Amino acid sequence: MKKKIALGAAYFAPFIAFAAGPNFIGVLQTIKDIFDVLIPFLITLAVLYFIYGVVRYILTQNDETAQKEARNIMINGVIALFVIVSVWGLVNVLITTFGLETSIPPSPAVPSL
């Protein structure tokens, strides 16, 4: 078991070393780019999950156990939204702290048809 952990650490050591060097800002920028694509999609999924719980809660007015399940779905949807927005905010705080907002080149304009 210790041998596998040591091999895994040796495998990822160059990535960690490059992240700690002058390329650290580039790594943060890549993380931000990934989150910029994923966050709207994940927020949409969390909102849809919450709405699904609300609909189930409304449709199961007479069944107490089904309402508890629907309530848990709604709570999980709200928790998912909180986590997603918190991670998004944390990444934006890191980007602002390291001054990456000024080093991002503007995106090219899309020609209109």
N, C-alpha and C. Protein backbone atom coordinates (compact mmCIF):
# COMPACT_ATOMS: atom_id res chain seq x y z
N MET A 1 0.82 -1.18 0.00
CA MET A 1 0.00 0.00 0.00
C MET A 1 0.87 1.26 0.00
N LYS A 2 1.92 1.26 0.84
CA LYS A 2 2.80 2.41 0.91
C LYS A 2 3.54 2.60 -0.41
N LYS A 3 3.82 1.49 -1.08
CA LYS A 3 4.52 1.56 -2.35
C LYS A 3 3.66 2.25 -3.41
N LYS A 4 2.36 1.95 -3.40
CA LYS A 4 1.45 2.58 -4.36
C LYS A 4 1.33 4.07 -4.10
N ILE A 5 1.28 4.46 -2.84
CA ILE A 5 1.20 5.88 -2.50
C ILE A 5 2.47 6.59 -2.93
N ALA A 6 3.61 5.97 -2.71
CA ALA A 6 4.89 6.57 -3.11
C ALA A 6 4.96 6.70 -4.63
N LEU A 7 4.50 5.69 -5.36
CA LEU A 7 4.51 5.76 -6.82
C LEU A 7 3.57 6.85 -7.32
N GLY A 8 2.41 6.97 -6.68
CA GLY A 8 1.47 8.02 -7.06
C GLY A 8 2.04 9.40 -6.80
N ALA A 9 2.70 9.56 -5.66
CA ALA A 9 3.32 10.84 -5.33
C ALA A 9 4.44 11.17 -6.30
N ALA A 10 5.21 10.16 -6.68
CA ALA A 10 6.30 10.39 -7.64
C ALA A 10 5.75 10.75 -9.01
N TYR A 11 4.61 10.18 -9.36
CA TYR A 11 4.02 10.48 -10.66
C TYR A 11 3.53 11.92 -10.73
N PHE A 12 2.91 12.41 -9.64
CA PHE A 12 2.35 13.75 -9.66
C PHE A 12 3.33 14.83 -9.21
N ALA A 13 4.52 14.48 -8.81
CA ALA A 13 5.50 15.46 -8.33
C ALA A 13 5.84 16.52 -9.38
N PRO A 14 6.07 16.17 -10.65
CA PRO A 14 6.37 17.23 -11.62
C PRO A 14 5.23 18.22 -11.78
N PHE A 15 3.98 17.73 -11.74
CA PHE A 15 2.86 18.65 -11.87
C PHE A 15 2.80 19.61 -10.71
N ILE A 16 3.07 19.12 -9.52
CA ILE A 16 3.06 19.97 -8.33
C ILE A 16 4.21 20.97 -8.40
N ALA A 17 5.36 20.52 -8.86
CA ALA A 17 6.51 21.42 -8.96
C ALA A 17 6.26 22.52 -9.98
N PHE A 18 5.65 22.18 -11.11
CA PHE A 18 5.35 23.19 -12.11
C PHE A 18 4.27 24.15 -11.60
N ALA A 19 3.33 23.65 -10.81
CA ALA A 19 2.27 24.51 -10.28
C ALA A 19 2.83 25.49 -9.27
N ALA A 20 3.88 25.13 -8.56
CA ALA A 20 4.44 26.00 -7.54
C ALA A 20 5.38 27.05 -8.13
N GLY A 21 5.80 26.86 -9.34
CA GLY A 21 6.74 27.78 -9.96
C GLY A 21 6.06 28.98 -10.59
N PRO A 22 6.72 29.59 -11.55
CA PRO A 22 6.15 30.78 -12.19
C PRO A 22 4.90 30.46 -13.02
N ASN A 23 4.63 29.18 -13.26
CA ASN A 23 3.47 28.80 -14.05
C ASN A 23 2.21 28.65 -13.18
N PHE A 24 2.29 29.01 -11.91
CA PHE A 24 1.15 28.87 -11.00
C PHE A 24 -0.04 29.69 -11.46
N ILE A 25 0.21 30.86 -11.99
CA ILE A 25 -0.87 31.71 -12.48
C ILE A 25 -1.54 31.07 -13.69
N GLY A 26 -0.76 30.42 -14.53
CA GLY A 26 -1.35 29.72 -15.67
C GLY A 26 -2.24 28.57 -15.24
N VAL A 27 -1.85 27.88 -14.18
CA VAL A 27 -2.67 26.79 -13.65
C VAL A 27 -3.98 27.35 -13.12
N LEU A 28 -3.91 28.46 -12.37
CA LEU A 28 -5.13 29.09 -11.87
C LEU A 28 -6.03 29.55 -13.02
N GLN A 29 -5.43 30.06 -14.07
CA GLN A 29 -6.22 30.51 -15.22
C GLN A 29 -6.92 29.33 -15.88
N THR A 30 -6.24 28.19 -15.99
CA THR A 30 -6.84 27.00 -16.57
C THR A 30 -8.00 26.51 -15.72
N ILE A 31 -7.82 26.53 -14.41
CA ILE A 31 -8.90 26.13 -13.50
C ILE A 31 -10.09 27.06 -13.67
N LYS A 32 -9.83 28.36 -13.78
CA LYS A 32 -10.92 29.32 -13.96
C LYS A 32 -11.64 29.07 -15.27
N ASP A 33 -10.91 28.78 -16.34
CA ASP A 33 -11.54 28.51 -17.62
C ASP A 33 -12.44 27.28 -17.56
N ILE A 34 -11.99 26.26 -16.85
CA ILE A 34 -12.80 25.05 -16.69
C ILE A 34 -14.07 25.37 -15.91
N PHE A 35 -13.92 26.12 -14.81
CA PHE A 35 -15.09 26.46 -14.01
C PHE A 35 -16.05 27.37 -14.76
N ASP A 36 -15.53 28.25 -15.62
CA ASP A 36 -16.41 29.13 -16.37
C ASP A 36 -17.33 28.35 -17.31
N VAL A 37 -16.88 27.19 -17.75
CA VAL A 37 -17.71 26.35 -18.60
C VAL A 37 -18.65 25.48 -17.77
N LEU A 38 -18.15 24.93 -16.67
CA LEU A 38 -18.93 23.99 -15.87
C LEU A 38 -19.98 24.64 -14.97
N ILE A 39 -19.70 25.81 -14.43
CA ILE A 39 -20.57 26.40 -13.42
C ILE A 39 -22.00 26.64 -13.93
N PRO A 40 -22.20 27.28 -15.07
CA PRO A 40 -23.60 27.47 -15.52
C PRO A 40 -24.34 26.15 -15.72
N PHE A 41 -23.65 25.15 -16.22
CA PHE A 41 -24.27 23.84 -16.42
C PHE A 41 -24.65 23.21 -15.09
N LEU A 42 -23.76 23.27 -14.10
CA LEU A 42 -24.04 22.69 -12.79
C LEU A 42 -25.13 23.45 -12.05
N ILE A 43 -25.16 24.77 -12.19
CA ILE A 43 -26.22 25.56 -11.55
C ILE A 43 -27.57 25.18 -12.15
N THR A 44 -27.61 25.01 -13.47
CA THR A 44 -28.86 24.61 -14.13
C THR A 44 -29.33 23.25 -13.62
N LEU A 45 -28.40 22.30 -13.49
CA LEU A 45 -28.77 20.98 -12.98
C LEU A 45 -29.29 21.06 -11.54
N ALA A 46 -28.65 21.86 -10.70
CA ALA A 46 -29.07 21.98 -9.30
C ALA A 46 -30.45 22.63 -9.20
N VAL A 47 -30.71 23.64 -10.01
CA VAL A 47 -32.02 24.29 -9.99
C VAL A 47 -33.10 23.32 -10.48
N LEU A 48 -32.80 22.58 -11.55
CA LEU A 48 -33.76 21.60 -12.04
C LEU A 48 -34.04 20.51 -11.00
N TYR A 49 -33.02 20.09 -10.27
CA TYR A 49 -33.19 19.10 -9.21
C TYR A 49 -34.07 19.65 -8.09
N PHE A 50 -33.86 20.91 -7.74
CA PHE A 50 -34.69 21.55 -6.72
C PHE A 50 -36.15 21.64 -7.19
N ILE A 51 -36.34 22.05 -8.42
CA ILE A 51 -37.70 22.16 -8.97
C ILE A 51 -38.37 20.79 -9.02
N TYR A 52 -37.60 19.76 -9.36
CA TYR A 52 -38.13 18.40 -9.35
C TYR A 52 -38.62 18.03 -7.95
N GLY A 53 -37.88 18.40 -6.92
CA GLY A 53 -38.30 18.15 -5.54
C GLY A 53 -39.56 18.92 -5.18
N VAL A 54 -39.69 20.16 -5.64
CA VAL A 54 -40.88 20.96 -5.37
C VAL A 54 -42.10 20.32 -6.03
N VAL A 55 -41.94 19.89 -7.27
CA VAL A 55 -43.06 19.27 -7.98
C VAL A 55 -43.48 17.97 -7.29
N ARG A 56 -42.50 17.17 -6.89
CA ARG A 56 -42.84 15.93 -6.17
C ARG A 56 -43.52 16.23 -4.84
N TYR A 57 -43.09 17.28 -4.16
CA TYR A 57 -43.69 17.65 -2.88
C TYR A 57 -45.15 18.06 -3.08
N ILE A 58 -45.42 18.81 -4.13
CA ILE A 58 -46.78 19.27 -4.39
C ILE A 58 -47.67 18.10 -4.82
N LEU A 59 -47.14 17.21 -5.64
CA LEU A 59 -47.95 16.11 -6.16
C LEU A 59 -48.23 15.02 -5.13
N THR A 60 -47.45 14.94 -4.07
CA THR A 60 -47.64 13.90 -3.05
C THR A 60 -48.15 14.52 -1.76
N GLN A 61 -49.27 15.22 -1.83
CA GLN A 61 -49.80 15.91 -0.66
C GLN A 61 -50.31 14.96 0.41
N ASN A 62 -50.78 13.78 0.02
CA ASN A 62 -51.39 12.87 0.99
C ASN A 62 -50.42 11.85 1.57
N ASP A 63 -49.25 11.71 1.01
CA ASP A 63 -48.30 10.70 1.44
C ASP A 63 -47.16 11.35 2.21
N GLU A 64 -47.09 11.07 3.50
CA GLU A 64 -46.09 11.71 4.37
C GLU A 64 -44.66 11.29 4.03
N THR A 65 -44.42 10.00 3.76
CA THR A 65 -43.06 9.55 3.45
C THR A 65 -42.58 10.09 2.12
N ALA A 66 -43.48 10.19 1.14
CA ALA A 66 -43.08 10.75 -0.16
C ALA A 66 -42.77 12.23 -0.03
N GLN A 67 -43.49 12.92 0.85
CA GLN A 67 -43.19 14.33 1.07
C GLN A 67 -41.84 14.51 1.75
N LYS A 68 -41.49 13.60 2.65
CA LYS A 68 -40.16 13.68 3.28
C LYS A 68 -39.07 13.48 2.26
N GLU A 69 -39.26 12.52 1.35
CA GLU A 69 -38.28 12.30 0.28
C GLU A 69 -38.15 13.52 -0.62
N ALA A 70 -39.30 14.12 -0.96
CA ALA A 70 -39.28 15.31 -1.80
C ALA A 70 -38.61 16.48 -1.08
N ARG A 71 -38.85 16.59 0.23
CA ARG A 71 -38.21 17.65 1.02
C ARG A 71 -36.70 17.46 1.04
N ASN A 72 -36.25 16.20 1.15
CA ASN A 72 -34.81 15.92 1.10
C ASN A 72 -34.22 16.28 -0.26
N ILE A 73 -34.97 16.03 -1.33
CA ILE A 73 -34.50 16.41 -2.66
C ILE A 73 -34.34 17.93 -2.75
N MET A 74 -35.31 18.67 -2.22
CA MET A 74 -35.21 20.13 -2.25
C MET A 74 -34.02 20.62 -1.42
N ILE A 75 -33.81 20.04 -0.26
CA ILE A 75 -32.69 20.43 0.59
C ILE A 75 -31.36 20.13 -0.12
N ASN A 76 -31.27 18.96 -0.74
CA ASN A 76 -30.04 18.62 -1.47
C ASN A 76 -29.81 19.57 -2.65
N GLY A 77 -30.88 20.00 -3.30
CA GLY A 77 -30.74 20.97 -4.40
C GLY A 77 -30.20 22.30 -3.91
N VAL A 78 -30.70 22.76 -2.76
CA VAL A 78 -30.22 24.03 -2.19
C VAL A 78 -28.76 23.90 -1.75
N ILE A 79 -28.43 22.76 -1.14
CA ILE A 79 -27.03 22.54 -0.73
C ILE A 79 -26.12 22.52 -1.95
N ALA A 80 -26.55 21.85 -3.02
CA ALA A 80 -25.75 21.81 -4.25
C ALA A 80 -25.54 23.21 -4.81
N LEU A 81 -26.59 24.02 -4.83
CA LEU A 81 -26.45 25.40 -5.31
C LEU A 81 -25.46 26.18 -4.45
N PHE A 82 -25.54 26.01 -3.13
CA PHE A 82 -24.63 26.70 -2.23
C PHE A 82 -23.18 26.30 -2.50
N VAL A 83 -22.93 25.00 -2.64
CA VAL A 83 -21.56 24.53 -2.88
C VAL A 83 -21.04 25.04 -4.21
N ILE A 84 -21.86 24.98 -5.25
CA ILE A 84 -21.42 25.42 -6.58
C ILE A 84 -21.07 26.90 -6.57
N VAL A 85 -21.96 27.70 -6.00
CA VAL A 85 -21.70 29.15 -5.98
C VAL A 85 -20.51 29.48 -5.09
N SER A 86 -20.32 28.73 -4.00
CA SER A 86 -19.17 28.97 -3.12
C SER A 86 -17.85 28.67 -3.82
N VAL A 87 -17.80 27.55 -4.53
CA VAL A 87 -16.58 27.20 -5.26
C VAL A 87 -16.31 28.23 -6.35
N TRP A 88 -17.37 28.65 -7.04
CA TRP A 88 -17.23 29.66 -8.09
C TRP A 88 -16.68 30.95 -7.49
N GLY A 89 -17.21 31.35 -6.34
CA GLY A 89 -16.72 32.56 -5.69
C GLY A 89 -15.28 32.43 -5.23
N LEU A 90 -14.92 31.24 -4.70
CA LEU A 90 -13.55 31.02 -4.25
C LEU A 90 -12.57 31.12 -5.41
N VAL A 91 -12.91 30.53 -6.53
CA VAL A 91 -12.02 30.62 -7.70
C VAL A 91 -11.90 32.07 -8.17
N ASN A 92 -13.00 32.81 -8.17
CA ASN A 92 -12.92 34.21 -8.58
C ASN A 92 -12.12 35.05 -7.59
N VAL A 93 -12.19 34.73 -6.30
CA VAL A 93 -11.37 35.44 -5.31
C VAL A 93 -9.89 35.16 -5.57
N LEU A 94 -9.55 33.90 -5.85
CA LEU A 94 -8.15 33.57 -6.16
C LEU A 94 -7.67 34.28 -7.42
N ILE A 95 -8.52 34.32 -8.44
CA ILE A 95 -8.15 34.99 -9.68
C ILE A 95 -7.92 36.47 -9.43
N THR A 96 -8.80 37.09 -8.66
CA THR A 96 -8.64 38.51 -8.36
C THR A 96 -7.42 38.76 -7.48
N THR A 97 -7.17 37.87 -6.52
CA THR A 97 -6.03 38.03 -5.62
C THR A 97 -4.71 37.99 -6.37
N PHE A 98 -4.59 37.08 -7.33
CA PHE A 98 -3.35 36.95 -8.08
C PHE A 98 -3.31 37.85 -9.31
N GLY A 99 -4.30 38.70 -9.49
CA GLY A 99 -4.29 39.69 -10.55
C GLY A 99 -4.42 39.11 -11.94
N LEU A 100 -5.17 38.07 -12.11
CA LEU A 100 -5.31 37.46 -13.43
C LEU A 100 -6.36 38.16 -14.29
N GLU A 101 -7.19 38.97 -13.70
CA GLU A 101 -8.22 39.66 -14.47
C GLU A 101 -7.59 40.59 -15.52
N THR A 102 -6.47 41.21 -15.20
CA THR A 102 -5.86 42.15 -16.13
C THR A 102 -5.01 41.44 -17.18
N SER A 103 -4.63 40.17 -16.93
CA SER A 103 -3.76 39.48 -17.87
C SER A 103 -4.53 38.62 -18.87
N ILE A 104 -5.86 38.62 -18.78
CA ILE A 104 -6.65 37.80 -19.70
C ILE A 104 -6.90 38.62 -20.97
N PRO A 105 -6.48 38.10 -22.12
CA PRO A 105 -6.75 38.82 -23.35
C PRO A 105 -8.24 38.79 -23.67
N PRO A 106 -8.74 39.82 -24.32
CA PRO A 106 -10.17 39.81 -24.64
C PRO A 106 -10.50 38.71 -25.65
N SER A 107 -11.69 38.18 -25.52
CA SER A 107 -12.09 37.12 -26.45
C SER A 107 -12.40 37.73 -27.81
N PRO A 108 -12.17 36.99 -28.88
CA PRO A 108 -12.43 37.54 -30.21
C PRO A 108 -13.94 37.75 -30.42
N ALA A 109 -14.24 38.75 -31.18
CA ALA A 109 -15.65 39.06 -31.46
C ALA A 109 -16.21 38.06 -32.45
N VAL A 110 -17.45 37.68 -32.24
CA VAL A 110 -18.11 36.75 -33.14
C VAL A 110 -18.76 37.56 -34.25
N PRO A 111 -18.42 37.28 -35.50
CA PRO A 111 -19.03 38.07 -36.59
C PRO A 111 -20.52 37.75 -36.72
N SER A 112 -21.29 38.77 -36.93
CA SER A 112 -22.73 38.57 -37.10
C SER A 112 -23.02 38.26 -38.57
N LEU A 113 -24.05 37.48 -38.75
CA LEU A 113 -24.42 37.08 -40.11
C LEU A 113 -25.45 38.01 -40.70
